[in-house]
Amino acid sequence: QVQLVESGGGLVQPGGSLRLSCAASTRIFSMGWYRQAPGKEREFVAVINRGDSTNFADSVKGRFTIARDNAKNAVYLQMNSLKPEDTAVYYCNARLMGVDYWGQGTQVTVSS
């Protein structure tokens, strides 16, 4: 069983920045982030794979970056130039041997 612990959400003004962190209980090569806004389905945000290849949703390209710290089994989502439409619960995702694991979610609210 893989445990994922997220941190770093909060309230930020439009144009601001936040960094989300996710620590896994074991090393996982494919880790990423999804988000779910009220009344909407959960959607893909970003992923970092083996070899540190990355992929982003079109809505966040150029504003968000993703990075990992292998020593800490952690992945980070740096979110810049935040917009109100980025408001959502953000979930850390890890995929291991074809099985998806999820964190508990952390709220990000972008509002003035």
Foldseek 3Di string as FASTA:
>chain_A
DKAKAKDWADEAAQQAKIKMKIFIPAAAFKKAKWWDDPPGDIGGAKIAGHVRDMDGDPVQPPFWDKDADRVRSMIMIIGGRDDQVVWTWMWMWGADPNDIDIYPTDTHGYHD
